[in-house]
N, C-alpha and C. Protein backbone atom coordinates (compact mmCIF):
# COMPACT_ATOMS: atom_id res chain seq x y z
N MET A 1 0.85 -1.18 0.00
CA MET A 1 0.00 0.00 0.00
C MET A 1 0.89 1.24 0.00
N TYR A 2 0.72 2.09 -1.00
CA TYR A 2 1.55 3.29 -1.15
C TYR A 2 0.86 4.50 -0.52
N PHE A 3 1.66 5.41 -0.01
CA PHE A 3 1.19 6.66 0.56
C PHE A 3 1.95 7.81 -0.09
N TYR A 4 1.20 8.76 -0.65
CA TYR A 4 1.78 9.91 -1.34
C TYR A 4 1.41 11.19 -0.60
N LEU A 5 2.33 12.11 -0.52
CA LEU A 5 2.03 13.42 0.06
C LEU A 5 1.58 14.37 -1.03
N GLY A 6 0.40 14.93 -0.87
CA GLY A 6 -0.08 15.94 -1.79
C GLY A 6 -0.90 15.40 -2.94
N SER A 7 -0.35 14.49 -3.74
CA SER A 7 -1.05 13.96 -4.90
C SER A 7 -0.45 12.61 -5.28
N PRO A 8 -1.17 11.81 -6.07
CA PRO A 8 -0.64 10.50 -6.49
C PRO A 8 0.61 10.61 -7.36
N ASN A 9 0.92 11.80 -7.85
CA ASN A 9 2.12 12.00 -8.66
C ASN A 9 3.30 12.53 -7.85
N SER A 10 3.09 12.69 -6.55
CA SER A 10 4.14 13.27 -5.71
C SER A 10 5.37 12.37 -5.66
N GLN A 11 6.54 13.00 -5.59
CA GLN A 11 7.78 12.26 -5.41
C GLN A 11 8.04 11.94 -3.94
N TYR A 12 7.18 12.48 -3.07
CA TYR A 12 7.27 12.17 -1.64
C TYR A 12 6.32 11.02 -1.35
N TYR A 13 6.85 9.81 -1.25
CA TYR A 13 5.99 8.65 -1.03
C TYR A 13 6.75 7.56 -0.30
N ASP A 14 5.98 6.61 0.21
CA ASP A 14 6.55 5.42 0.82
C ASP A 14 5.45 4.36 0.83
N PHE A 15 5.75 3.18 1.37
CA PHE A 15 4.76 2.10 1.32
C PHE A 15 4.97 1.10 2.44
N ILE A 16 3.91 0.33 2.71
CA ILE A 16 3.99 -0.82 3.60
C ILE A 16 3.61 -2.05 2.79
N GLU A 17 3.99 -3.23 3.30
CA GLU A 17 3.67 -4.48 2.64
C GLU A 17 2.79 -5.31 3.57
N PHE A 18 1.73 -5.92 3.04
CA PHE A 18 0.92 -6.80 3.88
C PHE A 18 0.06 -7.72 3.04
N THR A 19 -0.34 -8.83 3.66
CA THR A 19 -1.33 -9.74 3.10
C THR A 19 -2.35 -10.04 4.19
N ILE A 20 -3.59 -10.27 3.77
CA ILE A 20 -4.66 -10.57 4.71
C ILE A 20 -5.33 -11.87 4.29
N GLY A 21 -5.38 -12.84 5.20
CA GLY A 21 -6.07 -14.09 4.96
C GLY A 21 -7.41 -14.11 5.69
N ALA A 22 -8.01 -15.26 5.76
CA ALA A 22 -9.32 -15.38 6.41
C ALA A 22 -9.27 -14.97 7.88
N ASN A 23 -8.23 -15.34 8.59
CA ASN A 23 -8.09 -14.96 9.99
C ASN A 23 -6.72 -14.48 10.37
N VAL A 24 -5.93 -13.99 9.43
CA VAL A 24 -4.56 -13.60 9.76
C VAL A 24 -4.09 -12.39 8.95
N PHE A 25 -3.28 -11.58 9.58
CA PHE A 25 -2.63 -10.44 8.92
C PHE A 25 -1.13 -10.67 9.00
N ASN A 26 -0.44 -10.53 7.89
CA ASN A 26 1.02 -10.54 7.84
C ASN A 26 1.47 -9.26 7.16
N GLY A 27 2.32 -8.50 7.80
CA GLY A 27 2.74 -7.25 7.17
C GLY A 27 3.96 -6.64 7.82
N ASN A 28 4.48 -5.62 7.15
CA ASN A 28 5.69 -4.96 7.65
C ASN A 28 5.87 -3.59 7.01
N THR A 29 6.62 -2.75 7.70
CA THR A 29 7.21 -1.58 7.06
C THR A 29 8.56 -2.03 6.51
N THR A 30 9.08 -1.32 5.53
CA THR A 30 10.34 -1.75 4.93
C THR A 30 11.22 -0.57 4.56
N ARG A 31 12.51 -0.72 4.83
CA ARG A 31 13.53 0.24 4.41
C ARG A 31 14.55 -0.46 3.51
N VAL A 32 14.17 -1.60 2.96
CA VAL A 32 15.08 -2.40 2.14
C VAL A 32 15.56 -1.61 0.92
N ASP A 33 14.66 -0.85 0.29
CA ASP A 33 15.03 -0.07 -0.90
C ASP A 33 15.37 1.37 -0.57
N ALA A 34 14.59 1.96 0.32
CA ALA A 34 14.77 3.38 0.63
C ALA A 34 13.85 3.77 1.79
N TRP A 35 14.08 4.96 2.31
CA TRP A 35 13.19 5.58 3.28
C TRP A 35 12.67 6.87 2.66
N GLY A 36 11.34 7.01 2.63
CA GLY A 36 10.76 8.20 2.04
C GLY A 36 9.91 9.02 2.99
N LEU A 37 9.20 8.34 3.89
CA LEU A 37 8.32 9.00 4.85
C LEU A 37 8.37 8.24 6.18
N PRO A 38 8.17 8.94 7.29
CA PRO A 38 7.98 8.22 8.55
C PRO A 38 6.68 7.40 8.47
N LEU A 39 6.77 6.13 8.79
CA LEU A 39 5.61 5.24 8.75
C LEU A 39 5.60 4.36 9.99
N ALA A 40 4.40 4.09 10.50
CA ALA A 40 4.24 3.14 11.60
C ALA A 40 2.87 2.48 11.48
N ILE A 41 2.79 1.25 11.94
CA ILE A 41 1.55 0.46 11.88
C ILE A 41 1.10 0.13 13.30
N ARG A 42 -0.20 0.25 13.53
CA ARG A 42 -0.82 -0.24 14.77
C ARG A 42 -1.87 -1.26 14.36
N LEU A 43 -1.68 -2.50 14.78
CA LEU A 43 -2.57 -3.60 14.40
C LEU A 43 -3.32 -4.09 15.64
N HIS A 44 -4.66 -4.10 15.55
CA HIS A 44 -5.53 -4.48 16.67
C HIS A 44 -6.29 -5.74 16.33
N SER A 45 -6.30 -6.70 17.25
CA SER A 45 -7.00 -7.97 17.03
C SER A 45 -8.30 -8.02 17.82
N HIS A 46 -9.17 -8.96 17.47
CA HIS A 46 -10.47 -9.10 18.13
C HIS A 46 -10.32 -9.42 19.61
N ASP A 47 -9.21 -10.04 20.01
CA ASP A 47 -9.01 -10.36 21.43
C ASP A 47 -8.46 -9.18 22.23
N GLY A 48 -8.30 -8.04 21.57
CA GLY A 48 -7.82 -6.84 22.25
C GLY A 48 -6.32 -6.63 22.20
N SER A 49 -5.58 -7.61 21.72
CA SER A 49 -4.12 -7.45 21.65
C SER A 49 -3.74 -6.52 20.51
N GLU A 50 -2.62 -5.86 20.67
CA GLU A 50 -2.14 -4.91 19.66
C GLU A 50 -0.65 -5.09 19.40
N ILE A 51 -0.27 -4.79 18.18
CA ILE A 51 1.13 -4.76 17.78
C ILE A 51 1.41 -3.41 17.15
N GLN A 52 2.51 -2.79 17.51
CA GLN A 52 2.95 -1.55 16.87
C GLN A 52 4.34 -1.76 16.30
N LEU A 53 4.55 -1.28 15.11
CA LEU A 53 5.86 -1.41 14.48
C LEU A 53 6.08 -0.27 13.50
N GLY A 54 7.34 -0.05 13.16
CA GLY A 54 7.68 1.01 12.21
C GLY A 54 8.61 2.04 12.83
N ASP A 55 8.58 3.24 12.28
CA ASP A 55 9.47 4.30 12.74
C ASP A 55 9.07 4.80 14.12
N SER A 56 10.05 5.19 14.91
CA SER A 56 9.80 5.68 16.26
C SER A 56 9.34 7.14 16.23
N GLN A 57 8.86 7.59 17.38
CA GLN A 57 8.23 8.91 17.47
C GLN A 57 9.17 10.04 17.07
N ASP A 58 10.46 9.90 17.31
CA ASP A 58 11.37 11.00 17.01
C ASP A 58 11.37 11.37 15.53
N LEU A 59 11.19 10.37 14.65
CA LEU A 59 11.17 10.68 13.21
C LEU A 59 9.88 11.41 12.82
N PHE A 60 8.81 11.17 13.55
CA PHE A 60 7.55 11.86 13.26
C PHE A 60 7.56 13.29 13.79
N SER A 61 8.35 13.54 14.82
CA SER A 61 8.29 14.84 15.48
C SER A 61 9.29 15.85 14.94
N GLN A 62 10.19 15.42 14.05
CA GLN A 62 11.17 16.36 13.52
C GLN A 62 10.93 16.61 12.04
N SER A 63 11.58 17.63 11.51
CA SER A 63 11.40 17.99 10.11
C SER A 63 12.12 17.00 9.20
N ARG A 64 11.74 17.03 7.94
CA ARG A 64 12.40 16.18 6.95
C ARG A 64 13.88 16.53 6.85
N ASP A 65 14.18 17.80 6.79
CA ASP A 65 15.58 18.23 6.72
C ASP A 65 16.37 17.72 7.93
N ALA A 66 15.73 17.73 9.09
CA ALA A 66 16.42 17.28 10.30
C ALA A 66 16.74 15.79 10.23
N THR A 67 15.82 15.00 9.67
CA THR A 67 16.07 13.56 9.54
C THR A 67 17.21 13.29 8.58
N PHE A 68 17.21 13.98 7.45
CA PHE A 68 18.30 13.80 6.49
C PHE A 68 19.64 14.18 7.12
N GLN A 69 19.66 15.26 7.87
CA GLN A 69 20.90 15.69 8.51
C GLN A 69 21.32 14.72 9.60
N GLN A 70 20.34 14.23 10.35
CA GLN A 70 20.64 13.27 11.42
C GLN A 70 21.25 12.00 10.85
N PHE A 71 20.73 11.55 9.72
CA PHE A 71 21.30 10.37 9.07
C PHE A 71 22.76 10.62 8.70
N GLN A 72 23.02 11.75 8.06
CA GLN A 72 24.39 12.03 7.63
C GLN A 72 25.34 12.17 8.82
N ASN A 73 24.83 12.69 9.92
CA ASN A 73 25.67 12.82 11.11
C ASN A 73 25.97 11.47 11.76
N ALA A 74 25.09 10.50 11.55
CA ALA A 74 25.19 9.22 12.26
C ALA A 74 26.02 8.18 11.54
N VAL A 75 26.15 8.29 10.23
CA VAL A 75 26.78 7.22 9.45
C VAL A 75 28.20 7.59 9.02
N PRO A 76 29.04 6.58 8.72
CA PRO A 76 30.39 6.86 8.22
C PRO A 76 30.36 7.58 6.87
N GLN A 77 31.49 8.11 6.47
CA GLN A 77 31.60 8.93 5.27
C GLN A 77 31.03 8.25 4.03
N GLN A 78 31.30 6.96 3.86
CA GLN A 78 30.86 6.26 2.65
C GLN A 78 29.34 6.26 2.49
N PHE A 79 28.62 6.36 3.60
CA PHE A 79 27.16 6.23 3.58
C PHE A 79 26.44 7.58 3.51
N LYS A 80 27.15 8.67 3.68
CA LYS A 80 26.50 9.98 3.68
C LYS A 80 25.83 10.27 2.34
N VAL A 81 26.40 9.76 1.26
CA VAL A 81 25.85 10.00 -0.07
C VAL A 81 24.43 9.47 -0.22
N LEU A 82 24.05 8.51 0.61
CA LEU A 82 22.71 7.92 0.50
C LEU A 82 21.61 8.93 0.80
N ALA A 83 21.95 9.96 1.55
CA ALA A 83 20.99 11.03 1.84
C ALA A 83 21.11 12.18 0.84
N GLN A 84 21.91 11.99 -0.21
CA GLN A 84 22.11 13.04 -1.21
C GLN A 84 21.66 12.62 -2.60
N THR A 85 21.81 11.34 -2.94
CA THR A 85 21.57 10.87 -4.31
C THR A 85 20.17 11.18 -4.79
N GLN A 86 19.15 10.95 -3.96
CA GLN A 86 17.77 11.22 -4.35
C GLN A 86 17.12 12.25 -3.43
N ALA A 87 17.92 13.06 -2.76
CA ALA A 87 17.38 14.12 -1.91
C ALA A 87 16.63 15.14 -2.76
N PRO A 88 15.57 15.74 -2.22
CA PRO A 88 15.06 15.61 -0.85
C PRO A 88 13.97 14.55 -0.70
N TYR A 89 13.84 13.66 -1.67
CA TYR A 89 12.71 12.73 -1.68
C TYR A 89 12.91 11.52 -0.80
N ARG A 90 14.13 10.93 -0.84
CA ARG A 90 14.33 9.72 -0.05
C ARG A 90 15.81 9.51 0.25
N ILE A 91 16.03 8.72 1.27
CA ILE A 91 17.36 8.22 1.62
C ILE A 91 17.41 6.79 1.11
N ILE A 92 18.29 6.51 0.17
CA ILE A 92 18.25 5.21 -0.49
C ILE A 92 19.18 4.20 0.19
N ALA A 93 18.88 2.92 -0.04
CA ALA A 93 19.70 1.84 0.49
C ALA A 93 21.05 1.80 -0.23
N PRO A 94 22.10 1.37 0.44
CA PRO A 94 23.43 1.39 -0.19
C PRO A 94 23.52 0.54 -1.45
N GLY A 95 22.81 -0.57 -1.50
CA GLY A 95 22.87 -1.41 -2.69
C GLY A 95 22.29 -0.76 -3.93
N SER A 96 21.52 0.33 -3.73
CA SER A 96 20.92 1.05 -4.85
C SER A 96 21.76 2.23 -5.31
N ASP A 97 22.79 2.55 -4.57
CA ASP A 97 23.59 3.73 -4.91
C ASP A 97 24.78 3.35 -5.80
N PRO A 98 25.03 4.11 -6.87
CA PRO A 98 26.14 3.80 -7.78
C PRO A 98 27.50 3.70 -7.10
N SER A 99 27.69 4.40 -6.02
CA SER A 99 29.00 4.39 -5.36
C SER A 99 29.36 3.02 -4.79
N PHE A 100 28.35 2.20 -4.49
CA PHE A 100 28.60 0.87 -3.94
C PHE A 100 28.50 -0.22 -5.00
N ARG A 101 28.29 0.16 -6.24
CA ARG A 101 28.19 -0.81 -7.33
C ARG A 101 29.51 -0.89 -8.10
N ALA A 102 29.58 -1.83 -9.04
CA ALA A 102 30.80 -2.03 -9.83
C ALA A 102 31.27 -0.71 -10.43
N GLY A 103 32.53 -0.38 -10.24
CA GLY A 103 33.09 0.86 -10.76
C GLY A 103 32.93 2.04 -9.83
N GLY A 104 32.13 1.89 -8.78
CA GLY A 104 31.92 2.98 -7.84
C GLY A 104 33.04 3.09 -6.82
N VAL A 105 33.13 4.23 -6.18
CA VAL A 105 34.22 4.48 -5.24
C VAL A 105 34.17 3.54 -4.04
N ASN A 106 32.98 3.04 -3.71
CA ASN A 106 32.83 2.13 -2.57
C ASN A 106 32.53 0.70 -2.99
N ALA A 107 32.85 0.36 -4.23
CA ALA A 107 32.49 -0.96 -4.77
C ALA A 107 33.13 -2.11 -3.99
N ASN A 108 34.26 -1.87 -3.36
CA ASN A 108 34.97 -2.92 -2.63
C ASN A 108 34.79 -2.80 -1.12
N TYR A 109 33.74 -2.11 -0.71
CA TYR A 109 33.54 -1.86 0.72
C TYR A 109 33.54 -3.14 1.54
N PHE A 110 32.87 -4.18 1.06
CA PHE A 110 32.76 -5.43 1.81
C PHE A 110 33.75 -6.51 1.37
N THR A 111 34.53 -6.26 0.33
CA THR A 111 35.28 -7.33 -0.33
C THR A 111 36.19 -8.11 0.62
N ALA A 112 37.09 -7.45 1.31
CA ALA A 112 38.05 -8.15 2.16
C ALA A 112 37.35 -8.89 3.29
N TYR A 113 36.37 -8.26 3.89
CA TYR A 113 35.64 -8.88 5.01
C TYR A 113 34.89 -10.12 4.53
N ALA A 114 34.20 -10.01 3.40
CA ALA A 114 33.47 -11.15 2.86
C ALA A 114 34.42 -12.28 2.48
N ASN A 115 35.52 -11.95 1.83
CA ASN A 115 36.49 -12.97 1.44
C ASN A 115 37.06 -13.71 2.66
N SER A 116 37.16 -13.02 3.77
CA SER A 116 37.73 -13.64 4.98
C SER A 116 36.87 -14.75 5.53
N VAL A 117 35.59 -14.78 5.12
CA VAL A 117 34.69 -15.86 5.55
C VAL A 117 34.23 -16.70 4.36
N GLY A 118 34.98 -16.61 3.25
CA GLY A 118 34.73 -17.46 2.10
C GLY A 118 33.61 -17.02 1.19
N VAL A 119 33.21 -15.76 1.27
CA VAL A 119 32.14 -15.25 0.41
C VAL A 119 32.76 -14.39 -0.69
N ASN A 120 32.49 -14.74 -1.93
CA ASN A 120 33.02 -13.99 -3.07
C ASN A 120 31.85 -13.36 -3.82
N GLU A 121 31.33 -12.30 -3.27
CA GLU A 121 30.22 -11.57 -3.86
C GLU A 121 30.54 -10.08 -3.85
N PRO A 122 30.07 -9.34 -4.86
CA PRO A 122 30.28 -7.89 -4.84
C PRO A 122 29.53 -7.23 -3.69
N THR A 123 29.99 -6.08 -3.32
CA THR A 123 29.38 -5.34 -2.21
C THR A 123 27.88 -5.15 -2.41
N SER A 124 27.46 -4.83 -3.62
CA SER A 124 26.03 -4.60 -3.86
C SER A 124 25.21 -5.85 -3.58
N ASN A 125 25.77 -7.04 -3.87
CA ASN A 125 25.06 -8.28 -3.58
C ASN A 125 24.99 -8.57 -2.08
N ILE A 126 25.97 -8.12 -1.35
CA ILE A 126 25.93 -8.31 0.10
C ILE A 126 24.86 -7.42 0.71
N PHE A 127 24.80 -6.16 0.31
CA PHE A 127 23.73 -5.30 0.80
C PHE A 127 22.36 -5.83 0.40
N GLY A 128 22.26 -6.39 -0.81
CA GLY A 128 20.97 -6.85 -1.33
C GLY A 128 20.69 -8.32 -1.13
N CYS A 129 21.60 -9.04 -0.45
CA CYS A 129 21.43 -10.48 -0.22
C CYS A 129 21.12 -11.20 -1.53
N ALA A 130 21.91 -10.90 -2.54
CA ALA A 130 21.72 -11.47 -3.87
C ALA A 130 22.85 -12.44 -4.19
N GLY A 131 22.81 -13.02 -5.41
CA GLY A 131 23.81 -14.00 -5.80
C GLY A 131 23.74 -15.21 -4.88
N SER A 132 24.88 -15.73 -4.47
CA SER A 132 24.90 -16.90 -3.60
C SER A 132 24.27 -16.63 -2.24
N LEU A 133 24.22 -15.36 -1.84
CA LEU A 133 23.64 -15.02 -0.54
C LEU A 133 22.12 -15.05 -0.55
N GLY A 134 21.53 -15.12 -1.73
CA GLY A 134 20.08 -15.24 -1.81
C GLY A 134 19.57 -16.49 -1.14
N GLY A 135 20.40 -17.52 -1.08
CA GLY A 135 20.03 -18.76 -0.43
C GLY A 135 20.72 -18.97 0.90
N ASN A 136 21.32 -17.92 1.44
CA ASN A 136 22.06 -18.04 2.69
C ASN A 136 21.73 -16.85 3.60
N PRO A 137 20.51 -16.82 4.14
CA PRO A 137 20.09 -15.67 4.95
C PRO A 137 21.00 -15.38 6.13
N ASP A 138 21.44 -16.43 6.83
CA ASP A 138 22.25 -16.20 8.02
C ASP A 138 23.57 -15.51 7.69
N MET A 139 24.22 -15.94 6.60
CA MET A 139 25.49 -15.32 6.23
C MET A 139 25.28 -13.89 5.76
N CYS A 140 24.24 -13.66 4.98
CA CYS A 140 24.00 -12.29 4.52
C CYS A 140 23.74 -11.37 5.69
N ALA A 141 22.93 -11.82 6.65
CA ALA A 141 22.67 -11.00 7.83
C ALA A 141 23.95 -10.77 8.62
N ALA A 142 24.77 -11.80 8.76
CA ALA A 142 26.01 -11.66 9.53
C ALA A 142 26.97 -10.67 8.88
N LEU A 143 27.05 -10.69 7.55
CA LEU A 143 27.92 -9.74 6.87
C LEU A 143 27.41 -8.31 7.06
N ASN A 144 26.12 -8.10 6.88
CA ASN A 144 25.56 -6.76 7.03
C ASN A 144 25.71 -6.23 8.45
N ARG A 145 25.65 -7.12 9.43
CA ARG A 145 25.71 -6.73 10.84
C ARG A 145 27.12 -6.78 11.43
N HIS A 146 28.10 -7.16 10.61
CA HIS A 146 29.49 -7.29 11.04
C HIS A 146 29.64 -8.32 12.16
N THR A 147 28.99 -9.45 12.00
CA THR A 147 29.18 -10.55 12.96
C THR A 147 29.71 -11.81 12.28
N ALA A 148 30.06 -11.73 11.01
CA ALA A 148 30.39 -12.93 10.23
C ALA A 148 31.65 -13.64 10.72
N THR A 149 32.55 -12.93 11.36
CA THR A 149 33.79 -13.56 11.83
C THR A 149 33.68 -14.03 13.28
N LEU A 150 32.53 -13.83 13.90
CA LEU A 150 32.32 -14.30 15.27
C LEU A 150 31.96 -15.79 15.27
N PRO A 151 32.08 -16.47 16.40
CA PRO A 151 31.58 -17.84 16.48
C PRO A 151 30.11 -17.89 16.10
N THR A 152 29.70 -18.97 15.47
CA THR A 152 28.33 -19.08 14.96
C THR A 152 27.29 -18.77 16.03
N ALA A 153 27.52 -19.19 17.24
CA ALA A 153 26.55 -18.99 18.32
C ALA A 153 26.35 -17.52 18.66
N GLN A 154 27.30 -16.66 18.27
CA GLN A 154 27.20 -15.24 18.59
C GLN A 154 26.73 -14.38 17.42
N GLN A 155 26.64 -14.96 16.24
CA GLN A 155 26.37 -14.16 15.05
C GLN A 155 24.96 -13.56 15.03
N GLN A 156 24.03 -14.15 15.77
CA GLN A 156 22.67 -13.63 15.79
C GLN A 156 22.32 -12.97 17.13
N ASP A 157 23.32 -12.61 17.87
CA ASP A 157 23.14 -11.92 19.15
C ASP A 157 23.09 -10.42 18.89
N PRO A 158 21.93 -9.77 19.09
CA PRO A 158 21.81 -8.34 18.78
C PRO A 158 22.82 -7.46 19.50
N THR A 159 23.33 -7.90 20.65
CA THR A 159 24.31 -7.07 21.35
C THR A 159 25.65 -7.03 20.63
N LYS A 160 25.83 -7.92 19.65
CA LYS A 160 27.07 -7.96 18.88
C LYS A 160 26.97 -7.20 17.55
N PHE A 161 25.76 -6.80 17.18
CA PHE A 161 25.55 -6.21 15.86
C PHE A 161 26.24 -4.85 15.74
N TYR A 162 26.73 -4.57 14.54
CA TYR A 162 27.27 -3.25 14.17
C TYR A 162 28.37 -2.80 15.12
N SER A 163 29.27 -3.72 15.43
CA SER A 163 30.36 -3.41 16.36
C SER A 163 31.59 -2.84 15.66
N GLY A 164 31.57 -2.79 14.32
CA GLY A 164 32.71 -2.25 13.59
C GLY A 164 32.48 -2.27 12.10
N ASP A 165 33.46 -1.78 11.36
CA ASP A 165 33.41 -1.78 9.89
C ASP A 165 33.98 -3.07 9.34
N PRO A 166 33.49 -3.49 8.16
CA PRO A 166 32.39 -2.91 7.40
C PRO A 166 31.05 -3.42 7.93
N ALA A 167 30.03 -2.62 7.77
CA ALA A 167 28.68 -2.99 8.20
C ALA A 167 27.68 -2.15 7.43
N ASN A 168 26.43 -2.55 7.50
CA ASN A 168 25.36 -1.81 6.83
C ASN A 168 24.86 -0.73 7.78
N TRP A 169 25.56 0.40 7.78
CA TRP A 169 25.22 1.48 8.70
C TRP A 169 23.90 2.14 8.34
N TYR A 170 23.50 2.03 7.09
CA TYR A 170 22.16 2.48 6.69
C TYR A 170 21.11 1.72 7.49
N ALA A 171 21.21 0.39 7.52
CA ALA A 171 20.24 -0.42 8.26
C ALA A 171 20.27 -0.09 9.75
N LYS A 172 21.47 0.06 10.29
CA LYS A 172 21.57 0.36 11.72
C LYS A 172 20.84 1.64 12.07
N PHE A 173 20.92 2.65 11.23
CA PHE A 173 20.25 3.91 11.52
C PHE A 173 18.76 3.70 11.70
N TRP A 174 18.15 2.90 10.82
CA TRP A 174 16.69 2.69 10.92
C TRP A 174 16.33 1.84 12.12
N HIS A 175 17.20 0.92 12.52
CA HIS A 175 16.96 0.19 13.76
C HIS A 175 17.03 1.14 14.96
N ASP A 176 17.96 2.06 14.94
CA ASP A 176 18.10 3.00 16.04
C ASP A 176 16.91 3.93 16.17
N HIS A 177 16.13 4.07 15.10
CA HIS A 177 14.99 4.99 15.09
C HIS A 177 13.70 4.24 14.75
N ALA A 178 13.56 3.05 15.34
CA ALA A 178 12.38 2.22 15.09
C ALA A 178 11.76 1.78 16.41
N ILE A 179 10.46 1.52 16.39
CA ILE A 179 9.76 0.99 17.55
C ILE A 179 10.41 -0.35 17.93
N ASN A 180 10.81 -0.47 19.18
CA ASN A 180 11.48 -1.67 19.68
C ASN A 180 12.76 -2.01 18.91
N HIS A 181 13.28 -1.03 18.19
CA HIS A 181 14.52 -1.18 17.41
C HIS A 181 14.41 -2.27 16.33
N LEU A 182 13.20 -2.49 15.84
CA LEU A 182 12.97 -3.49 14.79
C LEU A 182 12.73 -2.79 13.46
N ALA A 183 13.51 -3.16 12.45
CA ALA A 183 13.40 -2.52 11.14
C ALA A 183 13.83 -3.50 10.06
N TYR A 184 13.30 -3.29 8.86
CA TYR A 184 13.73 -4.07 7.69
C TYR A 184 14.73 -3.22 6.92
N GLY A 185 16.00 -3.29 7.29
CA GLY A 185 17.01 -2.47 6.65
C GLY A 185 17.70 -3.12 5.48
N PHE A 186 17.57 -4.46 5.36
CA PHE A 186 18.09 -5.20 4.21
C PHE A 186 17.24 -6.47 4.08
N PRO A 187 17.32 -7.19 2.95
CA PRO A 187 16.35 -8.25 2.68
C PRO A 187 16.23 -9.35 3.74
N TYR A 188 17.31 -9.72 4.40
CA TYR A 188 17.24 -10.78 5.41
C TYR A 188 17.39 -10.22 6.82
N ASP A 189 16.86 -9.03 7.04
CA ASP A 189 16.92 -8.43 8.36
C ASP A 189 15.96 -9.12 9.34
N ASP A 190 15.18 -10.07 8.84
CA ASP A 190 14.32 -10.84 9.73
C ASP A 190 15.08 -11.96 10.44
N VAL A 191 16.31 -12.25 10.03
CA VAL A 191 17.13 -13.22 10.74
C VAL A 191 17.30 -12.75 12.19
N ALA A 192 17.05 -13.64 13.12
CA ALA A 192 17.10 -13.34 14.56
C ALA A 192 15.98 -12.40 14.99
N GLY A 193 14.92 -12.33 14.18
CA GLY A 193 13.73 -11.59 14.58
C GLY A 193 13.92 -10.10 14.70
N GLN A 194 14.72 -9.50 13.83
CA GLN A 194 15.04 -8.07 13.94
C GLN A 194 14.23 -7.17 13.01
N ALA A 195 13.33 -7.74 12.22
CA ALA A 195 12.58 -6.95 11.24
C ALA A 195 11.29 -6.38 11.83
N ALA A 196 10.81 -5.30 11.22
CA ALA A 196 9.54 -4.69 11.61
C ALA A 196 8.41 -5.46 10.93
N TYR A 197 8.15 -6.65 11.45
CA TYR A 197 7.19 -7.57 10.83
C TYR A 197 6.18 -8.04 11.87
N ALA A 198 4.92 -8.17 11.44
CA ALA A 198 3.87 -8.65 12.34
C ALA A 198 3.06 -9.73 11.67
N SER A 199 2.76 -10.78 12.42
CA SER A 199 1.82 -11.81 12.00
C SER A 199 0.81 -11.96 13.12
N GLN A 200 -0.44 -11.62 12.85
CA GLN A 200 -1.45 -11.55 13.91
C GLN A 200 -2.70 -12.32 13.51
N GLN A 201 -3.16 -13.18 14.42
CA GLN A 201 -4.39 -13.92 14.20
C GLN A 201 -5.60 -13.04 14.51
N ASN A 202 -6.69 -13.29 13.79
CA ASN A 202 -7.97 -12.60 14.02
C ASN A 202 -7.83 -11.08 14.08
N PRO A 203 -7.22 -10.47 13.07
CA PRO A 203 -7.08 -9.01 13.07
C PRO A 203 -8.44 -8.32 12.94
N GLN A 204 -8.59 -7.20 13.61
CA GLN A 204 -9.83 -6.43 13.54
C GLN A 204 -9.66 -5.15 12.74
N TRP A 205 -8.62 -4.39 13.05
CA TRP A 205 -8.36 -3.18 12.28
C TRP A 205 -6.88 -2.82 12.33
N MET A 206 -6.50 -1.97 11.39
CA MET A 206 -5.12 -1.50 11.30
C MET A 206 -5.13 0.01 11.11
N GLU A 207 -4.25 0.69 11.80
CA GLU A 207 -4.00 2.11 11.58
C GLU A 207 -2.58 2.28 11.05
N VAL A 208 -2.42 3.20 10.12
CA VAL A 208 -1.09 3.53 9.61
C VAL A 208 -0.82 5.00 9.87
N ALA A 209 0.24 5.29 10.57
CA ALA A 209 0.67 6.67 10.79
C ALA A 209 1.64 7.06 9.69
N VAL A 210 1.36 8.20 9.05
CA VAL A 210 2.19 8.70 7.96
C VAL A 210 2.70 10.09 8.36
N GLY A 211 3.99 10.27 8.39
CA GLY A 211 4.56 11.54 8.80
C GLY A 211 4.52 12.61 7.72
N TRP A 212 4.46 13.88 8.18
CA TRP A 212 4.47 15.09 7.37
C TRP A 212 3.22 15.23 6.54
């Protein structure tokens, strides 16, 4: 479901993903491709239980310019361009930016780290969990979170995530500014239950908060 500011032709937009069955709702907010608007979901079931997920209140309470600046202040130099390439409309994921693709200045960002654990994939495939990583969610998540060289038992421990370079600092930013720190910052961010995803039986209604 897409949300546009002003008109259906607006360049200011974002979306949520969901499916509804006879008695179940499955859905999520996503930052896998880009961030365009503050979004949050409140899901209410017939038994009175509720789930909330998506961006945290701070992103709703500040200006768009402030969010873009906050992102640039929070991430390493290589990632600052993500708030510039399609500004002022969206902050894009690193795998979508030319600087992290073949021939780009950051094309080898993950190369040495990935090779150290036997992964021979370009940086863009690591951010996008593509190529051989398409069938290896745990390794893709570990590379993005900088836990791939840790013992296997520690690779899915959230207290170990983003402890150094290289890492997906774009994804970390959205986790830092998400309800319960859950966000979909890359395709396999659901490994270890870290994604902004809800599966609810007997849903009654859903509210979506859209910022600005």
